[in-house]
Amino acid sequence: MKLILNADVPNLGAPGDIVEVKDGYGRNYLLPRKLAVVATRGAEKQVEQIRRAQKAREIRDLGHAQQVDSQLKNINVTVPAKASDNGRLFGSITPSAVVDAVKAAGGPALDKRTVDVPGHVKALGKHQVQVRLHPEVTTELTIAVVAR
């Protein structure tokens, strides 16, 4: 099955790449998750548009990644969550919640796929999360989980 990737898929390719995959992998995994579209003549013409959109969202180079890293070190990130009286959360903290909290704190726009929340953050307090900004730049971000 010939597909055009919409997102970065590990061990397969980057957005805009035209790849050949087995039918089951494409039909059951890539297409339902909107990670790829079927490669038709019309879709192949849109490859450049997909690549331009991806370039606008990603961190441009190592210097830009280091600049974003310094911005992240200078902000205090507070993630509000519903919690019980003893400090346990109803649910857990997700990467998208961390991205929203960084943006609310005045930080740079991040992609939720670059944020690694270790295990499940299920308690109030301070926690460390990793943010992969560039293949050579990974930063630790301290988040404070508070009750709503």
Foldseek 3Di string as FASTA:
>chain_A
DWKAFLADDPPFGGHLDIGDDDPCCCVPPCVVVVRIDHDDPVVNVCSVVSVVVVCVQAQPDPVSLVVLQVQLVPWAFEQEFADDPVFWGPFFDALVSRQVRCVVRVGDRADSVQKAQPDTHGGFAKDWIWGCRDPVDIHIHIYGYDYD
